[in-house]
Amino acid sequence: MPTVDDDGVPDSCLSLEIRADWGHFKKYGRTATKQTFDIIPRTTVAGLLAAIVGAPRDSYYETFAEGQSAVAITSLNDLRSINIPTTGVGTDPDAAASQRAGSRRSRSIMYQNTTQHRQIHNYEVLVDPAYRIDVAVEDEAFYTELREHLEAGTSTYPPSMGLSEYLAAVEYLGEHQVERLPDATAVDSIVPIPLAETIPQPEVAYRIERSPAVMEQHGGGRRTTRLDDLVYTPHEGEAVQFAADDIHAASVGDATVVFR
């Protein structure tokens, strides 16, 4: 079972790849236009892995809490998206008139009148999203069960890229020892730093996002307790170079990553 040190770097981890034809990770604060994060959020990774294990809803937030878990995310394909207009129909039976169907001998069924109250939403959708996930948690039961599912190629609930209809394929890359690289300044994964701390490289584009990283149970649901600023490159094979002393790079198999 891995141990996460004070810098957030584990001594071992599980590695996997997830791929899908489409993906959508809705940005908060958007309504009419459904924009997506380029990089799968850390909280979404936690939910996806909990789905594989079969953990109940709202039960795994402590497993992925700060100081008890470490996740590195690397984009494996060029990051690109398209906009897809989608017609939505409300499901509130009181929002529109309903139609009654059935006979005297059968129970009546109410059908919503869908000829009105339709709305068109513009969904930004990722095309061929693929990510490498390196993950370590100190929860022994969760870690062991996750490793067994990955080794067997099984899942309790279908993993997806954000929306349930965007089913994801999961490939297990094995369990690796993590080697710290104190002199490394270029990594394959996303880096949780401000853009000002990167070292610009010729003909390399950089993107930034702020996405949810850690959640906790709150009342009958959950709330985000930490947001991370992320720097990454949109094209496959390009590395992020940085000058931040408090960012600790590590070698995991054939990848150089930063855990967070």
C-alpha atoms as a PDB file:
ATOM      1  CA  MET A   1       0.000   0.000   0.000  1.00  0.00           C
ATOM      2  CA  PRO A   2       1.432   3.449  -0.884  1.00  0.00           C
ATOM      3  CA  THR A   3       2.347   6.209   1.528  1.00  0.00           C
ATOM      4  CA  VAL A   4       2.046   9.876   0.548  1.00  0.00           C
ATOM      5  CA  ASP A   5       4.791  12.120   1.974  1.00  0.00           C
ATOM      6  CA  ASP A   6       4.507  15.709   3.168  1.00  0.00           C
ATOM      7  CA  ASP A   7       5.189  17.009  -0.360  1.00  0.00           C
ATOM      8  CA  GLY A   8       2.303  14.991  -1.797  1.00  0.00           C
ATOM      9  CA  VAL A   9       4.529  12.433  -3.550  1.00  0.00           C
ATOM     10  CA  PRO A  10       3.692   8.724  -3.035  1.00  0.00           C
ATOM     11  CA  ASP A  11       6.248   5.922  -2.887  1.00  0.00           C
ATOM     12  CA  SER A  12       4.165   3.763  -5.253  1.00  0.00           C
ATOM     13  CA  CYS A  13       1.070   4.106  -7.398  1.00  0.00           C
ATOM     14  CA  LEU A  14      -1.312   2.436  -9.820  1.00  0.00           C
ATOM     15  CA  SER A  15      -1.185   3.581 -13.448  1.00  0.00           C
ATOM     16  CA  LEU A  16      -3.944   3.373 -16.045  1.00  0.00           C
ATOM     17  CA  GLU A  17      -5.110   4.928 -19.295  1.00  0.00           C
ATOM     18  CA  ILE A  18      -8.678   6.017 -19.998  1.00  0.00           C
ATOM     19  CA  ARG A  19      -9.960   6.743 -23.500  1.00  0.00           C
ATOM     20  CA  ALA A  20     -13.287   7.578 -25.125  1.00  0.00           C
ATOM     21  CA  ASP A  21     -14.682   8.931 -28.381  1.00  0.00           C
ATOM     22  CA  TRP A  22     -16.187  11.932 -26.598  1.00  0.00           C
ATOM     23  CA  GLY A  23     -15.899  13.655 -23.250  1.00  0.00           C
ATOM     24  CA  HIS A  24     -17.511  16.503 -21.335  1.00  0.00           C
ATOM     25  CA  PHE A  25     -16.486  17.837 -17.927  1.00  0.00           C
ATOM     26  CA  LYS A  26     -18.842  20.725 -17.292  1.00  0.00           C
ATOM     27  CA  LYS A  27     -17.310  23.950 -16.054  1.00  0.00           C
ATOM     28  CA  TYR A  28     -19.045  25.470 -13.071  1.00  0.00           C
ATOM     29  CA  GLY A  29     -20.751  28.837 -13.442  1.00  0.00           C
ATOM     30  CA  ARG A  30     -21.921  28.183 -17.010  1.00  0.00           C
ATOM     31  CA  THR A  31     -25.594  27.832 -17.919  1.00  0.00           C
ATOM     32  CA  ALA A  32     -26.717  28.276 -21.530  1.00  0.00           C
ATOM     33  CA  THR A  33     -23.363  27.241 -23.012  1.00  0.00           C
ATOM     34  CA  LYS A  34     -22.082  23.979 -21.521  1.00  0.00           C
ATOM     35  CA  GLN A  35     -18.326  24.499 -21.630  1.00  0.00           C
ATOM     36  CA  THR A  36     -15.926  21.705 -20.729  1.00  0.00           C
ATOM     37  CA  PHE A  37     -12.607  21.473 -18.952  1.00  0.00           C
ATOM     38  CA  ASP A  38      -9.817  20.283 -21.250  1.00  0.00           C
ATOM     39  CA  ILE A  39      -8.300  18.168 -18.490  1.00  0.00           C
ATOM     40  CA  ILE A  40     -10.393  15.700 -16.527  1.00  0.00           C
ATOM     41  CA  PRO A  41     -10.690  17.245 -13.043  1.00  0.00           C
ATOM     42  CA  ARG A  42      -9.110  15.486 -10.092  1.00  0.00           C
ATOM     43  CA  THR A  43     -12.536  15.184  -8.462  1.00  0.00           C
ATOM     44  CA  THR A  44     -13.856  13.457 -11.594  1.00  0.00           C
ATOM     45  CA  VAL A  45     -10.936  11.023 -11.502  1.00  0.00           C
ATOM     46  CA  ALA A  46     -11.903  10.208  -7.910  1.00  0.00           C
ATOM     47  CA  GLY A  47     -15.497   9.559  -8.985  1.00  0.00           C
ATOM     48  CA  LEU A  48     -14.421   7.410 -11.930  1.00  0.00           C
ATOM     49  CA  LEU A  49     -12.169   5.245  -9.751  1.00  0.00           C
ATOM     50  CA  ALA A  50     -14.904   5.016  -7.106  1.00  0.00           C
ATOM     51  CA  ALA A  51     -17.258   3.768  -9.850  1.00  0.00           C
ATOM     52  CA  ILE A  52     -14.773   1.030 -10.737  1.00  0.00           C
ATOM     53  CA  VAL A  53     -14.542  -0.021  -7.091  1.00  0.00           C
ATOM     54  CA  GLY A  54     -18.282   0.397  -6.504  1.00  0.00           C
ATOM     55  CA  ALA A  55     -17.972   2.841  -3.614  1.00  0.00           C
ATOM     56  CA  PRO A  56     -21.323   4.393  -2.587  1.00  0.00           C
ATOM     57  CA  ARG A  57     -22.011   8.003  -3.506  1.00  0.00           C
ATOM     58  CA  ASP A  58     -20.435  10.567  -1.162  1.00  0.00           C
ATOM     59  CA  SER A  59     -18.404   7.828   0.576  1.00  0.00           C
ATOM     60  CA  TYR A  60     -14.986   8.275  -1.047  1.00  0.00           C
ATOM     61  CA  TYR A  61     -14.153  11.952  -0.449  1.00  0.00           C
ATOM     62  CA  GLU A  62     -11.969  11.184   2.573  1.00  0.00           C
ATOM     63  CA  THR A  63     -10.105   8.551   0.527  1.00  0.00           C
ATOM     64  CA  PHE A  64      -9.059  11.264  -1.935  1.00  0.00           C
ATOM     65  CA  ALA A  65      -8.489  13.941   0.680  1.00  0.00           C
ATOM     66  CA  GLU A  66      -5.412  16.138   0.677  1.00  0.00           C
ATOM     67  CA  GLY A  67      -2.446  14.401   2.322  1.00  0.00           C
ATOM     68  CA  GLN A  68      -4.024  10.960   1.943  1.00  0.00           C
ATOM     69  CA  SER A  69      -3.976  10.662  -1.827  1.00  0.00           C
ATOM     70  CA  ALA A  70      -1.951  11.681  -4.866  1.00  0.00           C
ATOM     71  CA  VAL A  71      -3.062  11.927  -8.484  1.00  0.00           C
ATOM     72  CA  ALA A  72      -1.088  12.788 -11.623  1.00  0.00           C
ATOM     73  CA  ILE A  73      -2.941  13.413 -14.893  1.00  0.00           C
ATOM     74  CA  THR A  74      -1.311  13.367 -18.336  1.00  0.00           C
ATOM     75  CA  SER A  75      -3.116  14.107 -21.602  1.00  0.00           C
ATOM     76  CA  LEU A  76      -2.271  11.491 -24.251  1.00  0.00           C
ATOM     77  CA  ASN A  77      -3.963  13.071 -27.303  1.00  0.00           C
ATOM     78  CA  ASP A  78      -4.174  16.536 -28.780  1.00  0.00           C
ATOM     79  CA  LEU A  79      -6.793  18.501 -26.874  1.00  0.00           C
ATOM     80  CA  ARG A  80      -9.561  19.672 -29.170  1.00  0.00           C
ATOM     81  CA  SER A  81     -13.290  20.157 -28.891  1.00  0.00           C
ATOM     82  CA  ILE A  82     -16.373  20.806 -31.001  1.00  0.00           C
ATOM     83  CA  ASN A  83     -19.720  22.426 -30.216  1.00  0.00           C
ATOM     84  CA  ILE A  84     -22.843  20.271 -30.444  1.00  0.00           C
ATOM     85  CA  PRO A  85     -26.280  21.955 -30.176  1.00  0.00           C
ATOM     86  CA  THR A  86     -28.591  19.747 -28.113  1.00  0.00           C
ATOM     87  CA  THR A  87     -32.336  20.077 -27.632  1.00  0.00           C
ATOM     88  CA  GLY A  88     -33.426  19.560 -24.047  1.00  0.00           C
ATOM     89  CA  VAL A  89     -36.846  18.776 -22.661  1.00  0.00           C
ATOM     90  CA  GLY A  90     -37.724  19.417 -19.024  1.00  0.00           C
ATOM     91  CA  THR A  91     -38.736  16.503 -16.832  1.00  0.00           C
ATOM     92  CA  ASP A  92     -40.854  18.420 -14.318  1.00  0.00           C
ATOM     93  CA  PRO A  93     -44.449  17.146 -14.741  1.00  0.00           C
ATOM     94  CA  ASP A  94     -45.782  20.468 -13.455  1.00  0.00           C
ATOM     95  CA  ALA A  95     -43.828  22.523 -15.970  1.00  0.00           C
ATOM     96  CA  ALA A  96     -46.140  21.752 -18.880  1.00  0.00           C
ATOM     97  CA  ALA A  97     -49.491  20.170 -19.587  1.00  0.00           C
ATOM     98  CA  SER A  98     -49.556  16.392 -19.495  1.00  0.00           C
ATOM     99  CA  GLN A  99     -51.331  13.814 -21.571  1.00  0.00           C
ATOM    100  CA  ARG A 100     -53.124  10.864 -19.967  1.00  0.00           C
ATOM    101  CA  ALA A 101     -52.873   7.397 -21.472  1.00  0.00           C
ATOM    102  CA  GLY A 102     -54.346   4.056 -20.410  1.00  0.00           C
ATOM    103  CA  SER A 103     -57.655   2.292 -20.084  1.00  0.00           C
ATOM    104  CA  ARG A 104     -60.177   1.791 -17.332  1.00  0.00           C
ATOM    105  CA  ARG A 105     -58.653  -1.588 -16.538  1.00  0.00           C
ATOM    106  CA  SER A 106     -55.049  -0.350 -16.375  1.00  0.00           C
ATOM    107  CA  ARG A 107     -53.236   2.250 -14.355  1.00  0.00           C
ATOM    108  CA  SER A 108     -53.118   5.672 -15.986  1.00  0.00           C
ATOM    109  CA  ILE A 109     -49.741   6.996 -17.104  1.00  0.00           C
ATOM    110  CA  MET A 110     -49.019  10.709 -17.398  1.00  0.00           C
ATOM    111  CA  TYR A 111     -46.957  11.780 -20.412  1.00  0.00           C
ATOM    112  CA  GLN A 112     -45.465  15.245 -20.490  1.00  0.00           C
ATOM    113  CA  ASN A 113     -46.440  17.387 -23.446  1.00  0.00           C
ATOM    114  CA  THR A 114     -43.076  17.885 -25.151  1.00  0.00           C
ATOM    115  CA  THR A 115     -44.279  20.082 -27.996  1.00  0.00           C
ATOM    116  CA  GLN A 116     -43.407  23.161 -25.960  1.00  0.00           C
ATOM    117  CA  HIS A 117     -40.787  24.319 -23.461  1.00  0.00           C
ATOM    118  CA  ARG A 118     -37.878  22.905 -25.406  1.00  0.00           C
ATOM    119  CA  GLN A 119     -34.459  24.507 -25.038  1.00  0.00           C
ATOM    120  CA  ILE A 120     -31.352  24.337 -27.174  1.00  0.00           C
ATOM    121  CA  HIS A 121     -28.090  24.066 -25.231  1.00  0.00           C
ATOM    122  CA  ASN A 122     -24.705  24.296 -26.869  1.00  0.00           C
ATOM    123  CA  TYR A 123     -22.430  21.551 -25.517  1.00  0.00           C
ATOM    124  CA  GLU A 124     -18.670  21.860 -25.910  1.00  0.00           C
ATOM    125  CA  VAL A 125     -17.471  18.263 -26.310  1.00  0.00           C
ATOM    126  CA  LEU A 126     -13.921  16.902 -26.249  1.00  0.00           C
ATOM    127  CA  VAL A 127     -12.950  14.787 -29.259  1.00  0.00           C
ATOM    128  CA  ASP A 128     -11.046  11.527 -28.585  1.00  0.00           C
ATOM    129  CA  PRO A 129     -10.019  12.429 -25.020  1.00  0.00           C
ATOM    130  CA  ALA A 130      -7.341  10.180 -23.528  1.00  0.00           C
ATOM    131  CA  TYR A 131      -5.516  10.510 -20.228  1.00  0.00           C
ATOM    132  CA  ARG A 132      -2.924   8.645 -18.227  1.00  0.00           C
ATOM    133  CA  ILE A 133      -3.820   8.498 -14.547  1.00  0.00           C
ATOM    134  CA  ASP A 134      -1.251   7.716 -11.841  1.00  0.00           C
ATOM    135  CA  VAL A 135      -2.998   7.366  -8.498  1.00  0.00           C
ATOM    136  CA  ALA A 136      -2.131   6.487  -4.924  1.00  0.00           C
ATOM    137  CA  VAL A 137      -4.410   6.420  -1.884  1.00  0.00           C
ATOM    138  CA  GLU A 138      -3.570   5.445   1.673  1.00  0.00           C
ATOM    139  CA  ASP A 139      -6.963   3.781   2.120  1.00  0.00           C
ATOM    140  CA  GLU A 140      -5.783   0.149   2.013  1.00  0.00           C
ATOM    141  CA  ALA A 141      -9.172  -1.414   1.283  1.00  0.00           C
ATOM    142  CA  PHE A 142      -9.937   1.000  -1.571  1.00  0.00           C
ATOM    143  CA  TYR A 143      -6.436   0.670  -3.055  1.00  0.00           C
ATOM    144  CA  THR A 144      -6.491  -3.128  -2.943  1.00  0.00           C
ATOM    145  CA  GLU A 145      -9.953  -3.386  -4.481  1.00  0.00           C
ATOM    146  CA  LEU A 146      -9.067  -0.885  -7.207  1.00  0.00           C
ATOM    147  CA  ARG A 147      -5.921  -2.831  -8.095  1.00  0.00           C
ATOM    148  CA  GLU A 148      -7.872  -6.102  -8.260  1.00  0.00           C
ATOM    149  CA  HIS A 149     -10.477  -4.591 -10.584  1.00  0.00           C
ATOM    150  CA  LEU A 150      -7.813  -3.068 -12.833  1.00  0.00           C
ATOM    151  CA  GLU A 151      -5.877  -6.343 -13.008  1.00  0.00           C
ATOM    152  CA  ALA A 152      -9.042  -8.266 -13.883  1.00  0.00           C
ATOM    153  CA  GLY A 153     -10.349  -5.628 -16.319  1.00  0.00           C
ATOM    154  CA  THR A 154     -13.624  -5.334 -14.419  1.00  0.00           C
ATOM    155  CA  SER A 155     -15.692  -2.467 -13.075  1.00  0.00           C
ATOM    156  CA  THR A 156     -18.661  -2.283 -10.719  1.00  0.00           C
ATOM    157  CA  TYR A 157     -20.190   0.665 -12.598  1.00  0.00           C
ATOM    158  CA  PRO A 158     -19.335   1.686 -16.187  1.00  0.00           C
ATOM    159  CA  PRO A 159     -16.568   4.323 -16.250  1.00  0.00           C
ATOM    160  CA  SER A 160     -17.289   7.355 -18.397  1.00  0.00           C
ATOM    161  CA  MET A 161     -15.746  10.612 -19.580  1.00  0.00           C
ATOM    162  CA  GLY A 162     -17.963  12.967 -17.621  1.00  0.00           C
ATOM    163  CA  LEU A 163     -21.388  12.134 -19.067  1.00  0.00           C
ATOM    164  CA  SER A 164     -22.834   8.648 -18.681  1.00  0.00           C
ATOM    165  CA  GLU A 165     -23.236   8.201 -22.440  1.00  0.00           C
ATOM    166  CA  TYR A 166     -19.529   8.844 -23.051  1.00  0.00           C
ATOM    167  CA  LEU A 167     -18.327   5.410 -21.958  1.00  0.00           C
ATOM    168  CA  ALA A 168     -14.586   5.077 -21.409  1.00  0.00           C
ATOM    169  CA  ALA A 169     -12.169   2.220 -22.058  1.00  0.00           C
ATOM    170  CA  VAL A 170      -9.697   1.570 -19.239  1.00  0.00           C
ATOM    171  CA  GLU A 171      -6.273  -0.013 -19.728  1.00  0.00           C
ATOM    172  CA  TYR A 172      -4.218  -0.995 -16.708  1.00  0.00           C
ATOM    173  CA  LEU A 173      -0.526  -0.078 -16.950  1.00  0.00           C
ATOM    174  CA  GLY A 174       0.553  -1.761 -13.719  1.00  0.00           C
ATOM    175  CA  GLU A 175       1.765  -0.847 -10.255  1.00  0.00           C
ATOM    176  CA  HIS A 176       4.916   1.267 -10.172  1.00  0.00           C
ATOM    177  CA  GLN A 177       7.462   2.507  -7.701  1.00  0.00           C
ATOM    178  CA  VAL A 178       7.725   6.289  -7.724  1.00  0.00           C
ATOM    179  CA  GLU A 179      11.165   7.879  -7.984  1.00  0.00           C
ATOM    180  CA  ARG A 180      11.550  11.546  -7.096  1.00  0.00           C
ATOM    181  CA  LEU A 181      13.442  13.658  -9.633  1.00  0.00           C
ATOM    182  CA  PRO A 182      14.818  16.690  -7.743  1.00  0.00           C
ATOM    183  CA  ASP A 183      16.477  18.185 -10.820  1.00  0.00           C
ATOM    184  CA  ALA A 184      13.603  17.681 -13.275  1.00  0.00           C
ATOM    185  CA  THR A 185      12.036  20.828 -14.704  1.00  0.00           C
ATOM    186  CA  ALA A 186      10.082  19.345 -17.627  1.00  0.00           C
ATOM    187  CA  VAL A 187       7.166  16.965 -17.177  1.00  0.00           C
ATOM    188  CA  ASP A 188       4.626  15.136 -19.321  1.00  0.00           C
ATOM    189  CA  SER A 189       1.689  15.693 -16.967  1.00  0.00           C
ATOM    190  CA  ILE A 190      -0.248  18.811 -16.157  1.00  0.00           C
ATOM    191  CA  VAL A 191       1.454  21.026 -13.558  1.00  0.00           C
ATOM    192  CA  PRO A 192      -0.399  22.753 -10.696  1.00  0.00           C
ATOM    193  CA  ILE A 193       1.328  26.129 -10.950  1.00  0.00           C
ATOM    194  CA  PRO A 194       0.487  29.621 -12.205  1.00  0.00           C
ATOM    195  CA  LEU A 195       1.404  30.355 -15.810  1.00  0.00           C
ATOM    196  CA  ALA A 196       3.968  32.930 -14.624  1.00  0.00           C
ATOM    197  CA  GLU A 197       6.118  30.121 -13.185  1.00  0.00           C
ATOM    198  CA  THR A 198       6.472  28.225 -16.463  1.00  0.00           C
ATOM    199  CA  ILE A 199       9.497  28.545 -18.745  1.00  0.00           C
ATOM    200  CA  PRO A 200       8.219  29.402 -22.259  1.00  0.00           C
ATOM    201  CA  GLN A 201       9.594  27.214 -25.036  1.00  0.00           C
ATOM    202  CA  PRO A 202       9.730  28.064 -28.757  1.00  0.00           C
ATOM    203  CA  GLU A 203       6.662  26.982 -30.731  1.00  0.00           C
ATOM    204  CA  VAL A 204       5.016  25.442 -27.659  1.00  0.00           C
ATOM    205  CA  ALA A 205       1.511  26.563 -26.720  1.00  0.00           C
ATOM    206  CA  TYR A 206       0.369  26.640 -23.111  1.00  0.00           C
ATOM    207  CA  ARG A 207      -3.126  26.581 -21.651  1.00  0.00           C
ATOM    208  CA  ILE A 208      -4.368  27.217 -18.139  1.00  0.00           C
ATOM    209  CA  GLU A 209      -7.400  26.061 -16.204  1.00  0.00           C
ATOM    210  CA  ARG A 210      -8.674  26.255 -12.676  1.00  0.00           C
ATOM    211  CA  SER A 211     -10.491  23.087 -11.739  1.00  0.00           C
ATOM    212  CA  PRO A 212     -11.810  21.353  -8.603  1.00  0.00           C
ATOM    213  CA  ALA A 213      -9.310  19.112  -6.840  1.00  0.00           C
ATOM    214  CA  VAL A 214     -10.674  18.044  -3.434  1.00  0.00           C
ATOM    215  CA  MET A 215     -14.220  17.595  -2.117  1.00  0.00           C
ATOM    216  CA  GLU A 216     -15.798  16.862   1.224  1.00  0.00           C
ATOM    217  CA  GLN A 217     -19.204  15.649   2.332  1.00  0.00           C
ATOM    218  CA  HIS A 218     -21.485  18.508   3.279  1.00  0.00           C
ATOM    219  CA  GLY A 219     -25.044  18.151   4.464  1.00  0.00           C
ATOM    220  CA  GLY A 220     -26.797  15.798   2.103  1.00  0.00           C
ATOM    221  CA  GLY A 221     -24.270  16.284  -0.685  1.00  0.00           C
ATOM    222  CA  ARG A 222     -20.743  17.569  -1.237  1.00  0.00           C
ATOM    223  CA  ARG A 223     -18.736  20.717  -1.705  1.00  0.00           C
ATOM    224  CA  THR A 224     -15.382  21.592  -3.231  1.00  0.00           C
ATOM    225  CA  THR A 225     -12.712  22.524  -0.702  1.00  0.00           C
ATOM    226  CA  ARG A 226      -9.737  23.075  -3.027  1.00  0.00           C
ATOM    227  CA  LEU A 227      -9.277  24.430  -6.540  1.00  0.00           C
ATOM    228  CA  ASP A 228      -6.012  24.047  -8.474  1.00  0.00           C
ATOM    229  CA  ASP A 229      -4.517  26.304 -11.124  1.00  0.00           C
ATOM    230  CA  LEU A 230      -3.185  24.071 -13.891  1.00  0.00           C
ATOM    231  CA  VAL A 231      -0.745  24.595 -16.754  1.00  0.00           C
ATOM    232  CA  TYR A 232      -0.596  22.135 -19.658  1.00  0.00           C
ATOM    233  CA  THR A 233       0.157  21.868 -23.360  1.00  0.00           C
ATOM    234  CA  PRO A 234      -2.646  21.067 -25.827  1.00  0.00           C
ATOM    235  CA  HIS A 235      -0.529  18.960 -28.191  1.00  0.00           C
ATOM    236  CA  GLU A 236       0.640  15.403 -27.670  1.00  0.00           C
ATOM    237  CA  GLY A 237       4.332  15.031 -26.908  1.00  0.00           C
ATOM    238  CA  GLU A 238       4.926  18.587 -25.676  1.00  0.00           C
ATOM    239  CA  ALA A 239       6.241  19.011 -22.133  1.00  0.00           C
ATOM    240  CA  VAL A 240       5.691  21.763 -19.601  1.00  0.00           C
ATOM    241  CA  GLN A 241       8.892  23.314 -18.232  1.00  0.00           C
ATOM    242  CA  PHE A 242       8.725  25.175 -14.949  1.00  0.00           C
ATOM    243  CA  ALA A 243      10.871  27.013 -12.430  1.00  0.00           C
ATOM    244  CA  ALA A 244       8.869  26.511  -9.213  1.00  0.00           C
ATOM    245  CA  ASP A 245      10.937  25.121  -6.333  1.00  0.00           C
ATOM    246  CA  ASP A 246       7.904  23.732  -4.499  1.00  0.00           C
ATOM    247  CA  ILE A 247       6.822  21.493  -7.399  1.00  0.00           C
ATOM    248  CA  HIS A 248       8.188  17.960  -7.039  1.00  0.00           C
ATOM    249  CA  ALA A 249       8.517  15.931 -10.231  1.00  0.00           C
ATOM    250  CA  ALA A 250       8.628  12.139 -10.146  1.00  0.00           C
ATOM    251  CA  SER A 251       9.354   9.267 -12.493  1.00  0.00           C
ATOM    252  CA  VAL A 252       6.591   6.668 -12.861  1.00  0.00           C
ATOM    253  CA  GLY A 253       7.482   3.970 -15.349  1.00  0.00           C
ATOM    254  CA  ASP A 254       8.257   5.780 -18.602  1.00  0.00           C
ATOM    255  CA  ALA A 255       6.517   9.029 -17.608  1.00  0.00           C
ATOM    256  CA  THR A 256       7.659  12.124 -15.729  1.00  0.00           C
ATOM    257  CA  VAL A 257       4.762  13.527 -13.748  1.00  0.00           C
ATOM    258  CA  VAL A 258       3.725  15.882 -10.960  1.00  0.00           C
ATOM    259  CA  PHE A 259       1.320  14.556  -8.332  1.00  0.00           C
ATOM    260  CA  ARG A 260      -1.251  16.771  -6.638  1.00  0.00           C
END
